[in-house]
Protein backbone atom coordinates (compact mmCIF):
# COMPACT_ATOMS: atom_id res chain seq x y z
CA MET A 1 86.85 72.11 93.28
CA VAL A 2 86.77 74.53 96.24
CA LEU A 3 90.50 75.05 95.90
CA ALA A 4 90.14 75.75 92.16
CA ILE A 5 87.46 78.37 92.83
CA LEU A 6 89.54 80.04 95.55
CA ALA A 7 92.58 80.04 93.25
CA LEU A 8 90.51 81.52 90.41
CA SER A 9 89.29 84.27 92.75
CA GLY A 10 92.86 85.01 93.84
CA LEU A 11 93.96 85.02 90.21
CA MET A 12 91.35 87.67 89.39
CA VAL A 13 92.52 89.88 92.29
CA SER A 14 96.16 89.44 91.27
CA LEU A 15 95.40 90.20 87.62
CA TYR A 16 93.67 93.42 88.65
CA MET A 17 96.66 94.46 90.75
CA LEU A 18 99.05 93.50 87.94
CA ALA A 19 97.01 95.56 85.45
CA TYR A 20 97.37 98.51 87.83
CA ALA A 21 101.12 97.94 88.21
CA PHE A 22 101.54 97.98 84.41
CA GLY A 23 99.39 101.11 84.10
CA TRP A 24 96.59 99.37 82.21
CA VAL A 25 93.94 100.67 84.60
CA GLY A 26 93.61 104.14 86.09
CA GLN A 27 93.16 104.76 89.77
CA LEU A 28 92.70 101.75 92.02
CA ILE A 29 89.23 101.12 93.33
CA CYS A 30 89.92 100.91 97.04
CA GLY A 31 86.99 101.34 99.40
CA VAL A 32 88.96 100.45 102.52
CA GLY A 33 92.55 101.27 103.35
CA ASN A 34 95.16 103.11 101.31
CA CYS A 35 95.91 100.94 98.30
CA GLU A 36 97.84 103.72 96.57
CA ALA A 37 100.31 103.96 99.47
CA VAL A 38 100.90 100.22 99.42
CA GLN A 39 101.15 99.96 95.64
CA SER A 40 103.50 102.94 95.34
CA SER A 41 105.81 101.70 98.10
CA PRO A 42 109.18 100.15 97.22
CA TYR A 43 107.78 96.85 98.55
CA SER A 44 105.28 96.60 95.70
CA ARG A 45 108.07 95.20 93.50
CA MET A 46 110.61 92.44 93.90
CA GLY A 47 113.43 93.44 91.63
CA PRO A 48 111.92 94.32 88.27
CA PHE A 49 108.70 92.39 88.93
CA PRO A 50 105.50 93.68 90.53
CA VAL A 51 104.50 91.58 93.54
CA ALA A 52 101.16 90.99 91.81
CA ALA A 53 102.99 88.99 89.12
CA PHE A 54 104.00 86.45 91.78
CA GLY A 55 100.35 86.26 92.84
CA VAL A 56 99.24 85.64 89.27
CA VAL A 57 101.76 82.83 88.86
CA GLY A 58 101.03 81.31 92.28
CA TYR A 59 97.27 81.31 91.91
CA LEU A 60 97.52 80.02 88.33
CA VAL A 61 99.69 77.11 89.49
CA LEU A 62 97.30 76.29 92.36
CA MET A 63 94.28 76.44 90.06
CA THR A 64 95.94 74.25 87.43
CA LEU A 65 97.05 71.69 90.02
CA SER A 66 93.66 71.61 91.70
CA LEU A 67 91.90 71.04 88.37
CA ALA A 68 94.43 68.36 87.43
CA GLY A 69 93.79 66.72 90.81
CA LEU A 70 90.11 66.37 89.97
CA GLN A 71 90.86 64.18 86.96
CA PRO A 72 90.27 60.43 87.47
CA ALA A 73 93.73 59.62 86.09
CA SER A 74 95.38 61.55 88.93
CA ARG A 75 93.46 59.85 91.71
CA GLY A 76 96.48 57.86 92.89
CA SER A 77 98.98 60.67 92.40
CA ARG A 78 100.95 61.86 95.40
CA LEU A 79 102.69 64.59 93.41
CA ILE A 80 99.60 66.76 92.92
CA PRO A 81 98.49 66.84 96.57
CA SER A 82 102.09 67.40 97.67
CA ALA A 83 102.43 70.30 95.24
CA LEU A 84 99.09 71.76 96.39
CA LEU A 85 100.14 71.67 100.03
CA GLY A 86 103.61 72.98 99.25
CA GLY A 87 102.17 75.77 97.12
CA GLY A 88 99.71 76.62 99.87
CA ILE A 89 102.49 76.82 102.45
CA ILE A 90 104.59 79.05 100.20
CA GLY A 91 101.57 81.23 99.40
CA VAL A 92 100.60 81.65 103.05
CA GLY A 93 104.19 82.45 103.99
CA PHE A 94 104.50 85.04 101.22
CA SER A 95 101.13 86.54 102.14
CA ALA A 96 102.17 86.72 105.81
CA TYR A 97 105.37 88.54 104.82
CA LEU A 98 103.44 91.05 102.70
CA THR A 99 100.88 91.56 105.46
CA TYR A 100 103.72 92.18 107.93
CA LEU A 101 105.12 94.83 105.56
CA GLU A 102 101.74 96.53 105.32
CA ALA A 103 101.25 96.58 109.08
CA PHE A 104 104.72 97.37 110.38
CA VAL A 105 106.73 98.93 107.57
CA ILE A 106 104.38 100.68 105.14
CA HIS A 107 101.76 101.48 107.82
CA ALA A 108 98.97 101.24 105.27
CA TRP A 109 96.59 98.54 104.12
CA CYS A 110 95.46 97.57 100.65
CA GLN A 111 92.07 95.89 100.61
CA TRP A 112 93.07 93.82 97.55
CA CYS A 113 96.19 92.57 99.31
CA VAL A 114 94.16 91.60 102.36
CA ILE A 115 91.59 89.84 100.18
CA SER A 116 94.39 87.96 98.42
CA ALA A 117 95.92 86.93 101.76
CA ILE A 118 92.55 85.65 103.00
CA LEU A 119 91.99 83.71 99.78
CA MET A 120 95.46 82.15 100.08
CA VAL A 121 94.82 81.05 103.67
CA LEU A 122 91.46 79.56 102.62
CA ALA A 123 93.15 77.79 99.68
CA PHE A 124 95.73 76.32 102.02
CA VAL A 125 93.00 75.14 104.41
CA ALA A 126 91.17 73.60 101.45
CA ALA A 127 94.36 71.74 100.53
CA ILE A 128 94.83 70.19 103.99
CA PRO A 129 92.56 67.18 103.23
CA GLU A 130 95.08 66.30 100.52
CA LEU A 131 97.30 64.96 103.32
CA LYS A 132 95.26 61.74 103.11
CA ARG A 133 96.22 61.31 99.45
CA ILE A 134 99.89 61.89 100.22
CA GLY A 135 99.76 59.23 102.91
CA GLY A 136 98.28 56.76 100.45
CA SER A 137 94.73 56.49 101.81
CA GLN A 138 91.86 57.87 99.81
């Protein structure tokens, strides 16, 4: 359940950033850092897609998997915990890459990006106990 709540929180942050990227909201609310510099940089998109879209998809997948993992029918599943850990690793890696870009390439920080990175690390940490389910012990 902790993982589902963290994923939901990350989903909300990503949806806000996606709404900004699509022009659905005005100026970003950014109390700390320079969100405009980060969001207007060429690194705010991967091809035609805003980076926030990848966050929305990633957090949605993690939330869906974590809720599915709570169901009694999935108690013996090794697929769900494996997918949660794999998704957490991918999410942390992607967040680390984006954080690197903020620090060393863009030279600006976006508080929403930092919050998302922290939530992803916490979600990954929350998924670590799933290793027991992958190994077969519950």
